[in-house]
Each structure stands twice: as C-alpha cells, then as structure tokens.
Amino acid sequence: MHTNKPYFAVIFTSKRIDNTQGYSEMAKQMESLAKQQEGFIDLESARDTLGITVSYWQSLEAIQNWKQQTDHLVAQQKGRTDWYSWYKVRVCKVERDYEFNNDDQNMF
C-alpha cells in the first residue's frame, strides 16, 4: 500500500455472538462498497475470537462520509442488534509506515 502521508486508519475491533447468520454476506458487501467510496485506500481484516478490521482513508472527511453512507448505516444497526456483543472503533492518523516483505525481493 503506497499512499501519500499522513493518512488515516479506522480500527474496528469486535466480538461476535454465536448466531452470525447473514454476517459473512454483509461483510463482503460492506468491503465492496467501502472500496467504491471516495478517499478509500485499503482494508485489512482478521478474525479469530476477536475480529479486527482496519480500513485506510485519505481524510477524516472520507471516514465521516463512509460512516454516514446509507447501506453502511444499515449494516451498523444490524451489527448492534444481530451480530456483535461488543465493538470498539478507533480513528488514527498514520504519520509513517514501513513493511518487511521477504516474498518480493524487487519491491523497491
């Protein structure tokens, strides 16, 4: 992920309840929709007992627009009523990033 800095990260950490019918479909739909939003950069996600999804954005305005996007509002409500026992959202400013990648010797 190469982008101008600084940029912003939204870290969504969650615990799901046992019954997650429809969750996977909604998660795929939200990922696809987020990628279409102006200011979207990238998304990373992992889930075991605790789920962590980090989305990256060019600006705080882009994050606010995504938070208020109509289909995303519906997904947020379903998450609170149907899928999550707990979640926390953190919005962070990324000043610097770097990575190690042994798979690609010619990255730079």
PDB file of N, CA and C in Angstrom:
ATOM      1  N   MET A   1       0.853  -1.166   0.000  1.00  0.00           N
ATOM      2  CA  MET A   1       0.000   0.000   0.000  1.00  0.00           C
ATOM      3  C   MET A   1       0.902   1.233   0.000  1.00  0.00           C
ATOM      4  N   HIS A   2       0.934   1.932  -1.092  1.00  0.00           N
ATOM      5  CA  HIS A   2       1.682   3.183  -1.193  1.00  0.00           C
ATOM      6  C   HIS A   2       0.676   4.313  -1.305  1.00  0.00           C
ATOM      7  N   THR A   3       0.783   5.269  -0.406  1.00  0.00           N
ATOM      8  CA  THR A   3      -0.126   6.399  -0.427  1.00  0.00           C
ATOM      9  C   THR A   3       0.571   7.615   0.165  1.00  0.00           C
ATOM     10  N   ASN A   4       0.025   8.758  -0.096  1.00  0.00           N
ATOM     11  CA  ASN A   4       0.561   9.979   0.500  1.00  0.00           C
ATOM     12  C   ASN A   4       0.304   9.960   2.001  1.00  0.00           C
ATOM     13  N   LYS A   5       1.256  10.479   2.750  1.00  0.00           N
ATOM     14  CA  LYS A   5       1.097  10.560   4.190  1.00  0.00           C
ATOM     15  C   LYS A   5       0.943  12.013   4.585  1.00  0.00           C
ATOM     16  N   PRO A   6       0.301  12.326   5.659  1.00  0.00           N
ATOM     17  CA  PRO A   6      -0.378  11.348   6.501  1.00  0.00           C
ATOM     18  C   PRO A   6      -1.699  10.896   5.879  1.00  0.00           C
ATOM     19  N   TYR A   7      -2.161   9.753   6.342  1.00  0.00           N
ATOM     20  CA  TYR A   7      -3.481   9.254   6.007  1.00  0.00           C
ATOM     21  C   TYR A   7      -4.095   8.724   7.291  1.00  0.00           C
ATOM     22  N   PHE A   8      -5.272   8.161   7.225  1.00  0.00           N
ATOM     23  CA  PHE A   8      -5.993   7.787   8.436  1.00  0.00           C
ATOM     24  C   PHE A   8      -6.386   6.317   8.420  1.00  0.00           C
ATOM     25  N   ALA A   9      -6.438   5.734   9.609  1.00  0.00           N
ATOM     26  CA  ALA A   9      -6.846   4.345   9.779  1.00  0.00           C
ATOM     27  C   ALA A   9      -8.039   4.302  10.729  1.00  0.00           C
ATOM     28  N   VAL A  10      -9.033   3.498  10.365  1.00  0.00           N
ATOM     29  CA  VAL A  10     -10.159   3.209  11.253  1.00  0.00           C
ATOM     30  C   VAL A  10      -9.978   1.762  11.688  1.00  0.00           C
ATOM     31  N   ILE A  11      -9.788   1.576  12.983  1.00  0.00           N
ATOM     32  CA  ILE A  11      -9.591   0.238  13.536  1.00  0.00           C
ATOM     33  C   ILE A  11     -10.890  -0.177  14.213  1.00  0.00           C
ATOM     34  N   PHE A  12     -11.505  -1.218  13.669  1.00  0.00           N
ATOM     35  CA  PHE A  12     -12.768  -1.740  14.190  1.00  0.00           C
ATOM     36  C   PHE A  12     -12.468  -3.092  14.833  1.00  0.00           C
ATOM     37  N   THR A  13     -12.556  -3.155  16.159  1.00  0.00           N
ATOM     38  CA  THR A  13     -12.293  -4.368  16.918  1.00  0.00           C
ATOM     39  C   THR A  13     -13.621  -4.860  17.474  1.00  0.00           C
ATOM     40  N   SER A  14     -13.893  -6.177  17.336  1.00  0.00           N
ATOM     41  CA  SER A  14     -15.222  -6.659  17.722  1.00  0.00           C
ATOM     42  C   SER A  14     -15.199  -8.087  18.243  1.00  0.00           C
ATOM     43  N   LYS A  15     -16.257  -8.385  19.000  1.00  0.00           N
ATOM     44  CA  LYS A  15     -16.567  -9.760  19.417  1.00  0.00           C
ATOM     45  C   LYS A  15     -17.966 -10.058  18.915  1.00  0.00           C
ATOM     46  N   ARG A  16     -18.106 -11.186  18.218  1.00  0.00           N
ATOM     47  CA  ARG A  16     -19.413 -11.558  17.683  1.00  0.00           C
ATOM     48  C   ARG A  16     -20.132 -12.500  18.639  1.00  0.00           C
ATOM     49  N   ILE A  17     -21.458 -12.520  18.492  1.00  0.00           N
ATOM     50  CA  ILE A  17     -22.262 -13.500  19.219  1.00  0.00           C
ATOM     51  C   ILE A  17     -22.204 -14.812  18.440  1.00  0.00           C
ATOM     52  N   ASP A  18     -22.803 -15.864  18.977  1.00  0.00           N
ATOM     53  CA  ASP A  18     -22.749 -17.177  18.338  1.00  0.00           C
ATOM     54  C   ASP A  18     -23.526 -17.239  17.030  1.00  0.00           C
ATOM     55  N   ASN A  19     -24.690 -16.631  16.970  1.00  0.00           N
ATOM     56  CA  ASN A  19     -25.525 -16.686  15.765  1.00  0.00           C
ATOM     57  C   ASN A  19     -25.137 -15.539  14.835  1.00  0.00           C
ATOM     58  N   THR A  20     -24.459 -15.871  13.754  1.00  0.00           N
ATOM     59  CA  THR A  20     -23.996 -14.825  12.829  1.00  0.00           C
ATOM     60  C   THR A  20     -24.585 -15.016  11.436  1.00  0.00           C
ATOM     61  N   GLN A  21     -25.804 -15.521  11.380  1.00  0.00           N
ATOM     62  CA  GLN A  21     -26.460 -15.725  10.090  1.00  0.00           C
ATOM     63  C   GLN A  21     -26.521 -14.411   9.317  1.00  0.00           C
ATOM     64  N   GLY A  22     -26.027 -14.433   8.082  1.00  0.00           N
ATOM     65  CA  GLY A  22     -26.033 -13.263   7.217  1.00  0.00           C
ATOM     66  C   GLY A  22     -24.826 -12.359   7.382  1.00  0.00           C
ATOM     67  N   TYR A  23     -23.988 -12.631   8.382  1.00  0.00           N
ATOM     68  CA  TYR A  23     -22.839 -11.765   8.658  1.00  0.00           C
ATOM     69  C   TYR A  23     -21.830 -11.767   7.511  1.00  0.00           C
ATOM     70  N   SER A  24     -21.440 -12.941   7.048  1.00  0.00           N
ATOM     71  CA  SER A  24     -20.413 -13.037   6.002  1.00  0.00           C
ATOM     72  C   SER A  24     -20.829 -12.298   4.742  1.00  0.00           C
ATOM     73  N   GLU A  25     -22.085 -12.453   4.367  1.00  0.00           N
ATOM     74  CA  GLU A  25     -22.586 -11.780   3.168  1.00  0.00           C
ATOM     75  C   GLU A  25     -22.543 -10.264   3.339  1.00  0.00           C
ATOM     76  N   MET A  26     -22.955  -9.783   4.510  1.00  0.00           N
ATOM     77  CA  MET A  26     -22.955  -8.351   4.767  1.00  0.00           C
ATOM     78  C   MET A  26     -21.522  -7.825   4.802  1.00  0.00           C
ATOM     79  N   ALA A  27     -20.607  -8.570   5.407  1.00  0.00           N
ATOM     80  CA  ALA A  27     -19.208  -8.137   5.476  1.00  0.00           C
ATOM     81  C   ALA A  27     -18.622  -8.000   4.071  1.00  0.00           C
ATOM     82  N   LYS A  28     -18.894  -8.956   3.205  1.00  0.00           N
ATOM     83  CA  LYS A  28     -18.407  -8.875   1.819  1.00  0.00           C
ATOM     84  C   LYS A  28     -19.017  -7.685   1.091  1.00  0.00           C
ATOM     85  N   GLN A  29     -20.293  -7.454   1.305  1.00  0.00           N
ATOM     86  CA  GLN A  29     -20.975  -6.321   0.675  1.00  0.00           C
ATOM     87  C   GLN A  29     -20.378  -5.000   1.160  1.00  0.00           C
ATOM     88  N   MET A  30     -20.110  -4.881   2.466  1.00  0.00           N
ATOM     89  CA  MET A  30     -19.559  -3.647   3.012  1.00  0.00           C
ATOM     90  C   MET A  30     -18.129  -3.418   2.513  1.00  0.00           C
ATOM     91  N   GLU A  31     -17.350  -4.481   2.400  1.00  0.00           N
ATOM     92  CA  GLU A  31     -15.994  -4.337   1.870  1.00  0.00           C
ATOM     93  C   GLU A  31     -16.030  -3.831   0.428  1.00  0.00           C
ATOM     94  N   SER A  32     -16.888  -4.418  -0.369  1.00  0.00           N
ATOM     95  CA  SER A  32     -17.035  -3.997  -1.760  1.00  0.00           C
ATOM     96  C   SER A  32     -17.489  -2.537  -1.845  1.00  0.00           C
ATOM     97  N   LEU A  33     -18.449  -2.172  -1.017  1.00  0.00           N
ATOM     98  CA  LEU A  33     -18.977  -0.810  -1.018  1.00  0.00           C
ATOM     99  C   LEU A  33     -17.924   0.196  -0.537  1.00  0.00           C
ATOM    100  N   ALA A  34     -17.171  -0.164   0.503  1.00  0.00           N
ATOM    101  CA  ALA A  34     -16.125   0.729   1.019  1.00  0.00           C
ATOM    102  C   ALA A  34     -15.101   1.030  -0.071  1.00  0.00           C
ATOM    103  N   LYS A  35     -14.738   0.018  -0.844  1.00  0.00           N
ATOM    104  CA  LYS A  35     -13.747   0.192  -1.909  1.00  0.00           C
ATOM    105  C   LYS A  35     -14.209   1.175  -2.979  1.00  0.00           C
ATOM    106  N   GLN A  36     -15.513   1.415  -3.072  1.00  0.00           N
ATOM    107  CA  GLN A  36     -16.062   2.339  -4.063  1.00  0.00           C
ATOM    108  C   GLN A  36     -16.130   3.779  -3.550  1.00  0.00           C
ATOM    109  N   GLN A  37     -15.868   3.979  -2.250  1.00  0.00           N
ATOM    110  CA  GLN A  37     -16.028   5.305  -1.651  1.00  0.00           C
ATOM    111  C   GLN A  37     -14.833   6.202  -1.969  1.00  0.00           C
ATOM    112  N   GLU A  38     -15.110   7.463  -2.214  1.00  0.00           N
ATOM    113  CA  GLU A  38     -14.049   8.424  -2.441  1.00  0.00           C
ATOM    114  C   GLU A  38     -13.188   8.519  -1.187  1.00  0.00           C
ATOM    115  N   GLY A  39     -11.891   8.474  -1.374  1.00  0.00           N
ATOM    116  CA  GLY A  39     -10.968   8.576  -0.254  1.00  0.00           C
ATOM    117  C   GLY A  39     -10.559   7.247   0.352  1.00  0.00           C
ATOM    118  N   PHE A  40     -11.156   6.133  -0.109  1.00  0.00           N
ATOM    119  CA  PHE A  40     -10.778   4.808   0.394  1.00  0.00           C
ATOM    120  C   PHE A  40      -9.397   4.447  -0.139  1.00  0.00           C
ATOM    121  N   ILE A  41      -8.563   3.858   0.722  1.00  0.00           N
ATOM    122  CA  ILE A  41      -7.227   3.431   0.306  1.00  0.00           C
ATOM    123  C   ILE A  41      -7.118   1.911   0.296  1.00  0.00           C
ATOM    124  N   ASP A  42      -7.417   1.260   1.427  1.00  0.00           N
ATOM    125  CA  ASP A  42      -7.217  -0.181   1.534  1.00  0.00           C
ATOM    126  C   ASP A  42      -7.954  -0.705   2.761  1.00  0.00           C
ATOM    127  N   LEU A  43      -7.971  -2.026   2.909  1.00  0.00           N
ATOM    128  CA  LEU A  43      -8.642  -2.674   4.036  1.00  0.00           C
ATOM    129  C   LEU A  43      -7.904  -3.957   4.379  1.00  0.00           C
ATOM    130  N   GLU A  44      -7.746  -4.219   5.669  1.00  0.00           N
ATOM    131  CA  GLU A  44      -7.144  -5.454   6.170  1.00  0.00           C
ATOM    132  C   GLU A  44      -8.043  -5.988   7.277  1.00  0.00           C
ATOM    133  N   SER A  45      -8.197  -7.316   7.334  1.00  0.00           N
ATOM    134  CA  SER A  45      -9.105  -7.883   8.323  1.00  0.00           C
ATOM    135  C   SER A  45      -8.613  -9.248   8.776  1.00  0.00           C
ATOM    136  N   ALA A  46      -8.838  -9.536  10.062  1.00  0.00           N
ATOM    137  CA  ALA A  46      -8.509 -10.841  10.631  1.00  0.00           C
ATOM    138  C   ALA A  46      -9.538 -11.157  11.709  1.00  0.00           C
ATOM    139  N   ARG A  47      -9.863 -12.445  11.850  1.00  0.00           N
ATOM    140  CA  ARG A  47     -10.828 -12.831  12.869  1.00  0.00           C
ATOM    141  C   ARG A  47     -10.444 -14.192  13.433  1.00  0.00           C
ATOM    142  N   ASP A  48     -10.462 -14.239  14.748  1.00  0.00           N
ATOM    143  CA  ASP A  48     -10.397 -15.489  15.490  1.00  0.00           C
ATOM    144  C   ASP A  48     -11.453 -15.312  16.567  1.00  0.00           C
ATOM    145  N   THR A  49     -11.098 -15.265  17.818  1.00  0.00           N
ATOM    146  CA  THR A  49     -12.050 -14.928  18.869  1.00  0.00           C
ATOM    147  C   THR A  49     -12.389 -13.444  18.789  1.00  0.00           C
ATOM    148  N   LEU A  50     -11.381 -12.649  18.508  1.00  0.00           N
ATOM    149  CA  LEU A  50     -11.524 -11.208  18.375  1.00  0.00           C
ATOM    150  C   LEU A  50     -11.357 -10.847  16.904  1.00  0.00           C
ATOM    151  N   GLY A  51     -12.238 -10.017  16.383  1.00  0.00           N
ATOM    152  CA  GLY A  51     -12.129  -9.566  14.999  1.00  0.00           C
ATOM    153  C   GLY A  51     -11.508  -8.188  14.946  1.00  0.00           C
ATOM    154  N   ILE A  52     -10.621  -7.993  13.983  1.00  0.00           N
ATOM    155  CA  ILE A  52     -10.003  -6.686  13.784  1.00  0.00           C
ATOM    156  C   ILE A  52     -10.045  -6.369  12.297  1.00  0.00           C
ATOM    157  N   THR A  53     -10.677  -5.259  11.976  1.00  0.00           N
ATOM    158  CA  THR A  53     -10.691  -4.765  10.605  1.00  0.00           C
ATOM    159  C   THR A  53     -10.140  -3.352  10.622  1.00  0.00           C
ATOM    160  N   VAL A  54      -9.151  -3.113   9.762  1.00  0.00           N
ATOM    161  CA  VAL A  54      -8.556  -1.789   9.654  1.00  0.00           C
ATOM    162  C   VAL A  54      -8.800  -1.293   8.241  1.00  0.00           C
ATOM    163  N   SER A  55      -9.459  -0.155   8.132  1.00  0.00           N
ATOM    164  CA  SER A  55      -9.628   0.467   6.827  1.00  0.00           C
ATOM    165  C   SER A  55      -8.809   1.752   6.806  1.00  0.00           C
ATOM    166  N   TYR A  56      -8.277   2.065   5.635  1.00  0.00           N
ATOM    167  CA  TYR A  56      -7.391   3.210   5.472  1.00  0.00           C
ATOM    168  C   TYR A  56      -8.041   4.223   4.543  1.00  0.00           C
ATOM    169  N   TRP A  57      -7.921   5.496   4.924  1.00  0.00           N
ATOM    170  CA  TRP A  57      -8.624   6.572   4.228  1.00  0.00           C
ATOM    171  C   TRP A  57      -7.712   7.771   4.037  1.00  0.00           C
ATOM    172  N   GLN A  58      -7.990   8.545   2.994  1.00  0.00           N
ATOM    173  CA  GLN A  58      -7.187   9.727   2.678  1.00  0.00           C
ATOM    174  C   GLN A  58      -7.467  10.892   3.620  1.00  0.00           C
ATOM    175  N   SER A  59      -8.660  10.943   4.210  1.00  0.00           N
ATOM    176  CA  SER A  59      -9.018  12.103   5.040  1.00  0.00           C
ATOM    177  C   SER A  59     -10.057  11.728   6.087  1.00  0.00           C
ATOM    178  N   LEU A  60     -10.181  12.587   7.093  1.00  0.00           N
ATOM    179  CA  LEU A  60     -11.236  12.419   8.095  1.00  0.00           C
ATOM    180  C   LEU A  60     -12.604  12.615   7.457  1.00  0.00           C
ATOM    181  N   GLU A  61     -12.692  13.493   6.472  1.00  0.00           N
ATOM    182  CA  GLU A  61     -13.956  13.710   5.763  1.00  0.00           C
ATOM    183  C   GLU A  61     -14.412  12.429   5.046  1.00  0.00           C
ATOM    184  N   ALA A  62     -13.480  11.718   4.432  1.00  0.00           N
ATOM    185  CA  ALA A  62     -13.825  10.455   3.759  1.00  0.00           C
ATOM    186  C   ALA A  62     -14.349   9.438   4.770  1.00  0.00           C
ATOM    187  N   ILE A  63     -13.743   9.395   5.949  1.00  0.00           N
ATOM    188  CA  ILE A  63     -14.202   8.483   7.006  1.00  0.00           C
ATOM    189  C   ILE A  63     -15.614   8.854   7.440  1.00  0.00           C
ATOM    190  N   GLN A  64     -15.858  10.133   7.654  1.00  0.00           N
ATOM    191  CA  GLN A  64     -17.189  10.578   8.071  1.00  0.00           C
ATOM    192  C   GLN A  64     -18.232  10.259   7.006  1.00  0.00           C
ATOM    193  N   ASN A  65     -17.890  10.463   5.738  1.00  0.00           N
ATOM    194  CA  ASN A  65     -18.817  10.132   4.651  1.00  0.00           C
ATOM    195  C   ASN A  65     -19.135   8.643   4.637  1.00  0.00           C
ATOM    196  N   TRP A  66     -18.120   7.797   4.866  1.00  0.00           N
ATOM    197  CA  TRP A  66     -18.343   6.352   4.908  1.00  0.00           C
ATOM    198  C   TRP A  66     -19.237   5.988   6.100  1.00  0.00           C
ATOM    199  N   LYS A  67     -18.983   6.587   7.247  1.00  0.00           N
ATOM    200  CA  LYS A  67     -19.788   6.305   8.443  1.00  0.00           C
ATOM    201  C   LYS A  67     -21.259   6.620   8.202  1.00  0.00           C
ATOM    202  N   GLN A  68     -21.541   7.647   7.401  1.00  0.00           N
ATOM    203  CA  GLN A  68     -22.924   8.079   7.148  1.00  0.00           C
ATOM    204  C   GLN A  68     -23.526   7.488   5.872  1.00  0.00           C
ATOM    205  N   GLN A  69     -22.779   6.662   5.156  1.00  0.00           N
ATOM    206  CA  GLN A  69     -23.291   6.062   3.919  1.00  0.00           C
ATOM    207  C   GLN A  69     -24.500   5.185   4.260  1.00  0.00           C
ATOM    208  N   THR A  70     -25.567   5.298   3.499  1.00  0.00           N
ATOM    209  CA  THR A  70     -26.856   4.684   3.833  1.00  0.00           C
ATOM    210  C   THR A  70     -26.773   3.177   4.078  1.00  0.00           C
ATOM    211  N   ASP A  71     -26.179   2.420   3.167  1.00  0.00           N
ATOM    212  CA  ASP A  71     -26.090   0.970   3.344  1.00  0.00           C
ATOM    213  C   ASP A  71     -25.195   0.614   4.527  1.00  0.00           C
ATOM    214  N   HIS A  72     -24.181   1.412   4.763  1.00  0.00           N
ATOM    215  CA  HIS A  72     -23.296   1.186   5.900  1.00  0.00           C
ATOM    216  C   HIS A  72     -24.038   1.442   7.213  1.00  0.00           C
ATOM    217  N   LEU A  73     -24.918   2.449   7.244  1.00  0.00           N
ATOM    218  CA  LEU A  73     -25.742   2.694   8.432  1.00  0.00           C
ATOM    219  C   LEU A  73     -26.614   1.493   8.759  1.00  0.00           C
ATOM    220  N   VAL A  74     -27.185   0.862   7.737  1.00  0.00           N
ATOM    221  CA  VAL A  74     -28.000  -0.346   7.925  1.00  0.00           C
ATOM    222  C   VAL A  74     -27.135  -1.464   8.503  1.00  0.00           C
ATOM    223  N   ALA A  75     -25.936  -1.654   7.953  1.00  0.00           N
ATOM    224  CA  ALA A  75     -25.034  -2.694   8.447  1.00  0.00           C
ATOM    225  C   ALA A  75     -24.629  -2.425   9.901  1.00  0.00           C
ATOM    226  N   GLN A  76     -24.378  -1.156  10.230  1.00  0.00           N
ATOM    227  CA  GLN A  76     -24.024  -0.804  11.609  1.00  0.00           C
ATOM    228  C   GLN A  76     -25.148  -1.194  12.572  1.00  0.00           C
ATOM    229  N   GLN A  77     -26.371  -0.884  12.197  1.00  0.00           N
ATOM    230  CA  GLN A  77     -27.523  -1.209  13.045  1.00  0.00           C
ATOM    231  C   GLN A  77     -27.669  -2.725  13.216  1.00  0.00           C
ATOM    232  N   LYS A  78     -27.532  -3.462  12.106  1.00  0.00           N
ATOM    233  CA  LYS A  78     -27.620  -4.929  12.187  1.00  0.00           C
ATOM    234  C   LYS A  78     -26.516  -5.488  13.065  1.00  0.00           C
ATOM    235  N   GLY A  79     -25.350  -4.899  12.980  1.00  0.00           N
ATOM    236  CA  GLY A  79     -24.241  -5.340  13.819  1.00  0.00           C
ATOM    237  C   GLY A  79     -24.581  -5.213  15.293  1.00  0.00           C
ATOM    238  N   ARG A  80     -25.172  -4.084  15.674  1.00  0.00           N
ATOM    239  CA  ARG A  80     -25.530  -3.863  17.080  1.00  0.00           C
ATOM    240  C   ARG A  80     -26.652  -4.790  17.531  1.00  0.00           C
ATOM    241  N   THR A  81     -27.622  -5.061  16.654  1.00  0.00           N
ATOM    242  CA  THR A  81     -28.780  -5.856  17.071  1.00  0.00           C
ATOM    243  C   THR A  81     -28.600  -7.355  16.853  1.00  0.00           C
ATOM    244  N   ASP A  82     -27.786  -7.752  15.855  1.00  0.00           N
ATOM    245  CA  ASP A  82     -27.756  -9.165  15.460  1.00  0.00           C
ATOM    246  C   ASP A  82     -26.408  -9.871  15.610  1.00  0.00           C
ATOM    247  N   TRP A  83     -25.279  -9.175  15.512  1.00  0.00           N
ATOM    248  CA  TRP A  83     -24.013  -9.888  15.358  1.00  0.00           C
ATOM    249  C   TRP A  83     -22.962  -9.641  16.424  1.00  0.00           C
ATOM    250  N   TYR A  84     -22.931  -8.480  17.027  1.00  0.00           N
ATOM    251  CA  TYR A  84     -21.837  -8.154  17.953  1.00  0.00           C
ATOM    252  C   TYR A  84     -22.306  -8.109  19.397  1.00  0.00           C
ATOM    253  N   SER A  85     -21.459  -8.662  20.279  1.00  0.00           N
ATOM    254  CA  SER A  85     -21.687  -8.476  21.709  1.00  0.00           C
ATOM    255  C   SER A  85     -20.905  -7.253  22.192  1.00  0.00           C
ATOM    256  N   TRP A  86     -19.889  -6.870  21.431  1.00  0.00           N
ATOM    257  CA  TRP A  86     -19.049  -5.732  21.786  1.00  0.00           C
ATOM    258  C   TRP A  86     -18.279  -5.286  20.556  1.00  0.00           C
ATOM    259  N   TYR A  87     -18.050  -3.985  20.437  1.00  0.00           N
ATOM    260  CA  TYR A  87     -17.089  -3.482  19.457  1.00  0.00           C
ATOM    261  C   TYR A  87     -16.530  -2.147  19.908  1.00  0.00           C
ATOM    262  N   LYS A  88     -15.393  -1.797  19.326  1.00  0.00           N
ATOM    263  CA  LYS A  88     -14.753  -0.517  19.596  1.00  0.00           C
ATOM    264  C   LYS A  88     -14.177  -0.003  18.283  1.00  0.00           C
ATOM    265  N   VAL A  89     -14.305   1.302  18.063  1.00  0.00           N
ATOM    266  CA  VAL A  89     -13.787   1.940  16.861  1.00  0.00           C
ATOM    267  C   VAL A  89     -12.732   2.957  17.273  1.00  0.00           C
ATOM    268  N   ARG A  90     -11.604   2.916  16.601  1.00  0.00           N
ATOM    269  CA  ARG A  90     -10.541   3.887  16.831  1.00  0.00           C
ATOM    270  C   ARG A  90     -10.195   4.528  15.488  1.00  0.00           C
ATOM    271  N   VAL A  91     -10.039   5.831  15.478  1.00  0.00           N
ATOM    272  CA  VAL A  91      -9.621   6.547  14.276  1.00  0.00           C
ATOM    273  C   VAL A  91      -8.237   7.112  14.565  1.00  0.00           C
ATOM    274  N   CYS A  92      -7.282   6.772  13.716  1.00  0.00           N
ATOM    275  CA  CYS A  92      -5.882   7.134  13.956  1.00  0.00           C
ATOM    276  C   CYS A  92      -5.286   7.830  12.739  1.00  0.00           C
ATOM    277  N   LYS A  93      -4.371   8.716  12.995  1.00  0.00           N
ATOM    278  CA  LYS A  93      -3.615   9.373  11.927  1.00  0.00           C
ATOM    279  C   LYS A  93      -2.313   8.603  11.729  1.00  0.00           C
ATOM    280  N   VAL A  94      -2.051   8.189  10.505  1.00  0.00           N
ATOM    281  CA  VAL A  94      -0.833   7.449  10.179  1.00  0.00           C
ATOM    282  C   VAL A  94       0.194   8.451   9.662  1.00  0.00           C
ATOM    283  N   GLU A  95       1.236   8.638  10.421  1.00  0.00           N
ATOM    284  CA  GLU A  95       2.308   9.560  10.047  1.00  0.00           C
ATOM    285  C   GLU A  95       3.403   8.850   9.265  1.00  0.00           C
ATOM    286  N   ARG A  96       3.581   7.570   9.560  1.00  0.00           N
ATOM    287  CA  ARG A  96       4.682   6.822   8.962  1.00  0.00           C
ATOM    288  C   ARG A  96       4.263   5.371   8.879  1.00  0.00           C
ATOM    289  N   ASP A  97       4.708   4.684   7.842  1.00  0.00           N
ATOM    290  CA  ASP A  97       4.530   3.235   7.768  1.00  0.00           C
ATOM    291  C   ASP A  97       5.734   2.620   7.079  1.00  0.00           C
ATOM    292  N   TYR A  98       5.972   1.376   7.356  1.00  0.00           N
ATOM    293  CA  TYR A  98       7.027   0.624   6.692  1.00  0.00           C
ATOM    294  C   TYR A  98       6.658  -0.836   6.778  1.00  0.00           C
ATOM    295  N   GLU A  99       7.289  -1.648   5.960  1.00  0.00           N
ATOM    296  CA  GLU A  99       6.967  -3.074   5.967  1.00  0.00           C
ATOM    297  C   GLU A  99       8.175  -3.911   5.621  1.00  0.00           C
ATOM    298  N   PHE A 100       8.105  -5.157   5.971  1.00  0.00           N
ATOM    299  CA  PHE A 100       9.057  -6.186   5.576  1.00  0.00           C
ATOM    300  C   PHE A 100       8.303  -7.157   4.703  1.00  0.00           C
ATOM    301  N   ASN A 101       8.866  -7.520   3.582  1.00  0.00           N
ATOM    302  CA  ASN A 101       8.229  -8.473   2.688  1.00  0.00           C
ATOM    303  C   ASN A 101       9.299  -9.330   2.054  1.00  0.00           C
ATOM    304  N   ASN A 102       9.493 -10.510   2.598  1.00  0.00           N
ATOM    305  CA  ASN A 102      10.503 -11.438   2.107  1.00  0.00           C
ATOM    306  C   ASN A 102      10.049 -12.139   0.827  1.00  0.00           C
ATOM    307  N   ASP A 103       8.789 -12.004   0.465  1.00  0.00           N
ATOM    308  CA  ASP A 103       8.259 -12.680  -0.723  1.00  0.00           C
ATOM    309  C   ASP A 103       8.622 -11.979  -2.020  1.00  0.00           C
ATOM    310  N   ASP A 104       8.931 -10.694  -1.958  1.00  0.00           N
ATOM    311  CA  ASP A 104       9.176  -9.914  -3.167  1.00  0.00           C
ATOM    312  C   ASP A 104      10.501  -9.172  -3.023  1.00  0.00           C
ATOM    313  N   GLN A 105      11.535  -9.730  -3.597  1.00  0.00           N
ATOM    314  CA  GLN A 105      12.872  -9.154  -3.466  1.00  0.00           C
ATOM    315  C   GLN A 105      13.035  -7.854  -4.249  1.00  0.00           C
ATOM    316  N   ASN A 106      12.121  -7.580  -5.192  1.00  0.00           N
ATOM    317  CA  ASN A 106      12.238  -6.394  -6.039  1.00  0.00           C
ATOM    318  C   ASN A 106      11.152  -5.375  -5.766  1.00  0.00           C
ATOM    319  N   MET A 107      10.734  -5.252  -4.518  1.00  0.00           N
ATOM    320  CA  MET A 107       9.647  -4.340  -4.195  1.00  0.00           C
ATOM    321  C   MET A 107       9.991  -2.892  -4.514  1.00  0.00           C
ATOM    322  N   PHE A 108      11.194  -2.440  -4.201  1.00  0.00           N
ATOM    323  CA  PHE A 108      11.514  -1.019  -4.336  1.00  0.00           C
ATOM    324  C   PHE A 108      12.671  -0.825  -5.278  1.00  0.00           C
TER     325      PHE A 108
END
